[in-house]
Protein backbone atom coordinates (compact mmCIF):
# COMPACT_ATOMS: atom_id res chain seq x y z
CA UNK A 1 -22.14 -54.78 -1.72
CA UNK A 2 -21.67 -57.77 -3.95
CA UNK A 3 -24.06 -56.38 -6.55
CA UNK A 4 -22.34 -53.00 -6.35
CA UNK A 5 -18.91 -54.53 -7.02
CA UNK A 6 -20.38 -56.50 -9.98
CA UNK A 7 -22.10 -53.33 -11.35
CA UNK A 8 -18.88 -51.32 -10.98
CA UNK A 9 -16.53 -54.05 -12.14
CA UNK A 10 -14.45 -53.70 -8.94
CA UNK A 11 -13.63 -56.07 -6.21
CA UNK A 12 -15.57 -56.18 -2.99
CA UNK A 13 -12.55 -55.06 -1.02
CA UNK A 14 -12.16 -51.96 -3.31
CA UNK A 15 -15.80 -51.02 -2.97
CA UNK A 16 -15.70 -51.52 0.86
CA UNK A 17 -12.53 -49.37 1.14
CA UNK A 18 -14.22 -46.61 -0.87
CA UNK A 19 -17.33 -46.81 1.19
CA UNK A 20 -15.28 -46.51 4.28
CA UNK A 21 -13.56 -43.42 2.84
CA UNK A 22 -16.93 -41.78 2.08
CA UNK A 23 -18.08 -42.71 5.64
CA UNK A 24 -15.00 -41.06 7.09
CA UNK A 25 -15.59 -38.00 4.99
CA UNK A 26 -19.03 -37.72 6.38
CA UNK A 27 -20.89 -38.25 3.04
CA UNK A 28 -22.49 -41.66 3.80
CA UNK A 29 -23.38 -43.54 6.99
CA UNK A 30 -23.49 -47.16 7.73
CA UNK A 31 -26.74 -48.76 8.99
CA UNK A 32 -27.76 -52.21 10.02
CA UNK A 33 -31.39 -53.09 10.06
CA UNK A 34 -32.54 -55.18 12.99
CA UNK A 35 -32.00 -58.86 12.14
CA UNK A 36 -29.95 -58.09 8.99
CA UNK A 37 -26.77 -59.88 8.34
CA UNK A 38 -25.08 -57.07 6.35
CA UNK A 39 -24.69 -53.34 6.75
CA UNK A 40 -26.24 -50.98 4.28
CA UNK A 41 -24.98 -47.55 3.36
CA UNK A 42 -26.79 -44.35 2.61
CA UNK A 43 -26.27 -40.70 2.18
CA UNK A 44 -26.01 -38.77 5.36
CA UNK A 45 -28.26 -36.04 4.02
CA UNK A 46 -29.81 -34.64 0.80
CA UNK A 47 -27.59 -34.49 -2.23
CA UNK A 48 -25.63 -32.32 -2.98
CA UNK A 49 -25.85 -30.73 0.51
CA UNK A 50 -24.00 -33.67 1.98
CA UNK A 51 -21.10 -33.25 -0.57
CA UNK A 52 -20.95 -29.47 0.15
CA UNK A 53 -20.83 -30.05 3.85
CA UNK A 54 -18.11 -32.64 3.51
CA UNK A 55 -16.05 -30.39 1.35
CA UNK A 56 -16.41 -27.38 3.55
CA UNK A 57 -15.60 -29.49 6.66
CA UNK A 58 -12.56 -30.91 4.97
CA UNK A 59 -11.40 -27.49 3.73
CA UNK A 60 -11.74 -26.04 7.32
CA UNK A 61 -9.67 -28.98 8.76
CA UNK A 62 -6.94 -28.64 6.11
CA UNK A 63 -6.62 -24.86 6.73
CA UNK A 64 -6.35 -25.50 10.49
CA UNK A 65 -3.59 -28.18 9.84
CA UNK A 66 -1.75 -25.77 7.53
CA UNK A 67 -1.86 -23.09 10.18
CA UNK A 68 -0.48 -25.35 12.85
CA UNK A 69 2.19 -26.70 10.42
CA UNK A 70 3.41 -23.28 9.40
CA UNK A 71 3.54 -22.17 13.16
CA UNK A 72 5.45 -25.32 14.05
CA UNK A 73 7.92 -24.73 11.21
CA UNK A 74 8.52 -21.23 12.42
CA UNK A 75 9.08 -22.49 15.93
CA UNK A 76 11.61 -25.07 14.60
CA UNK A 77 13.42 -22.35 12.79
CA UNK A 78 13.68 -20.46 15.91
CA UNK A 79 16.38 -17.90 16.13
CA UNK A 80 18.48 -19.44 13.32
CA UNK A 81 20.72 -16.96 11.62
CA UNK A 82 21.80 -16.34 8.06
CA UNK A 83 20.15 -15.21 4.82
CA UNK A 84 18.59 -18.52 4.09
CA UNK A 85 17.02 -18.72 7.56
CA UNK A 86 15.76 -15.10 7.20
CA UNK A 87 14.22 -15.80 3.77
CA UNK A 88 12.59 -18.94 5.02
CA UNK A 89 11.26 -17.11 8.14
CA UNK A 90 9.75 -14.46 5.83
CA UNK A 91 8.14 -16.92 3.60
CA UNK A 92 6.74 -18.98 6.57
CA UNK A 93 5.46 -15.80 8.21
CA UNK A 94 3.73 -14.86 4.92
CA UNK A 95 2.25 -18.23 4.66
CA UNK A 96 1.03 -18.30 8.22
CA UNK A 97 -0.57 -14.80 7.74
CA UNK A 98 -2.39 -16.11 4.59
CA UNK A 99 -3.73 -19.29 6.29
CA UNK A 100 -4.85 -17.20 9.29
CA UNK A 101 -6.60 -14.73 7.07
CA UNK A 102 -8.36 -17.59 5.11
CA UNK A 103 -9.41 -19.17 8.36
CA UNK A 104 -10.81 -15.89 9.68
CA UNK A 105 -12.69 -15.39 6.37
CA UNK A 106 -14.17 -18.91 6.60
CA UNK A 107 -15.27 -18.34 10.14
CA UNK A 108 -17.02 -15.11 9.20
CA UNK A 109 -18.72 -16.33 6.11
CA UNK A 110 -19.46 -19.94 6.87
CA UNK A 111 -20.78 -20.97 10.23
CA UNK A 112 -19.04 -24.01 11.76
CA UNK A 113 -21.16 -26.90 10.87
CA UNK A 114 -20.81 -30.72 10.63
CA UNK A 115 -22.80 -32.55 8.09
CA UNK A 116 -24.88 -31.46 5.09
CA UNK A 117 -24.98 -27.78 4.14
CA UNK A 118 -27.96 -26.36 2.31
CA UNK A 119 -26.02 -23.91 0.34
CA UNK A 120 -29.15 -22.61 -1.47
CA UNK A 121 -30.86 -21.70 1.91
CA UNK A 122 -27.54 -20.24 3.11
CA UNK A 123 -27.08 -17.95 0.10
CA UNK A 124 -30.80 -16.91 -0.18
CA UNK A 125 -30.59 -15.74 3.47
CA UNK A 126 -27.90 -13.27 2.52
CA UNK A 127 -29.46 -9.95 1.25
CA UNK A 128 -28.69 -9.22 -2.40
CA UNK A 129 -26.93 -5.95 -1.57
CA UNK A 130 -24.43 -7.78 0.66
CA UNK A 131 -23.64 -10.28 -2.07
CA UNK A 132 -23.22 -7.40 -4.57
CA UNK A 133 -20.87 -5.57 -2.15
CA UNK A 134 -18.86 -8.80 -1.67
CA UNK A 135 -18.62 -9.33 -5.44
CA UNK A 136 -17.51 -5.70 -5.97
CA UNK A 137 -14.89 -5.91 -3.16
CA UNK A 138 -13.51 -9.26 -4.47
CA UNK A 139 -13.30 -7.83 -8.09
CA UNK A 140 -11.60 -4.68 -6.84
CA UNK A 141 -9.14 -6.71 -4.76
CA UNK A 142 -8.37 -8.94 -7.76
CA UNK A 143 -7.84 -5.90 -10.04
CA UNK A 144 -5.52 -4.28 -7.47
CA UNK A 145 -3.51 -7.51 -7.05
CA UNK A 146 -3.15 -7.81 -10.80
CA UNK A 147 -2.06 -4.10 -11.00
CA UNK A 148 0.62 -4.63 -8.30
CA UNK A 149 1.83 -7.74 -10.03
CA UNK A 150 2.20 -5.88 -13.35
CA UNK A 151 4.04 -3.03 -11.63
CA UNK A 152 6.37 -5.49 -9.95
CA UNK A 153 7.12 -7.14 -13.27
CA UNK A 154 7.78 -3.84 -14.94
CA UNK A 155 9.97 -2.65 -12.12
CA UNK A 156 11.97 -5.88 -12.24
CA UNK A 157 12.36 -5.64 -16.04
CA UNK A 158 13.53 -1.91 -15.75
CA UNK A 159 16.06 -2.96 -13.10
CA UNK A 160 17.36 -5.82 -15.40
CA UNK A 161 17.74 -3.55 -18.34
CA UNK A 162 20.06 -1.13 -16.49
């Protein structure tokens, strides 16, 4: 670690703190050889698979946290009355629905895994017609969303001009 801190021009405490962060993210693991005085660190798997796995795992946890947070906020809002409470309730319900949808999509497309993800093997296992259908559906959904947004802007502008 001393050589790494010299090479990076950072303090040993800074290097160690970052190594602990990478370890917590599941990217590296700490090892101690029998009889060694110091720990060594190494990637938990092949690069870039270990980075992809850590990213997917973190994204999955964040989505679950956001789902729980939006539900808790709705619960705290309870039966509060008034236009502000109703507006907040609608926005929270919409947010909860979006997080639920995203979590469901992740569960369907990405099997739950902990650790390195061989994205190349995962994608090559999917038949080309399935990927093409997914791409077509995603492009259609994006185009429809853009059309709805344009229509909403035009409708809002027409209402303002009256």
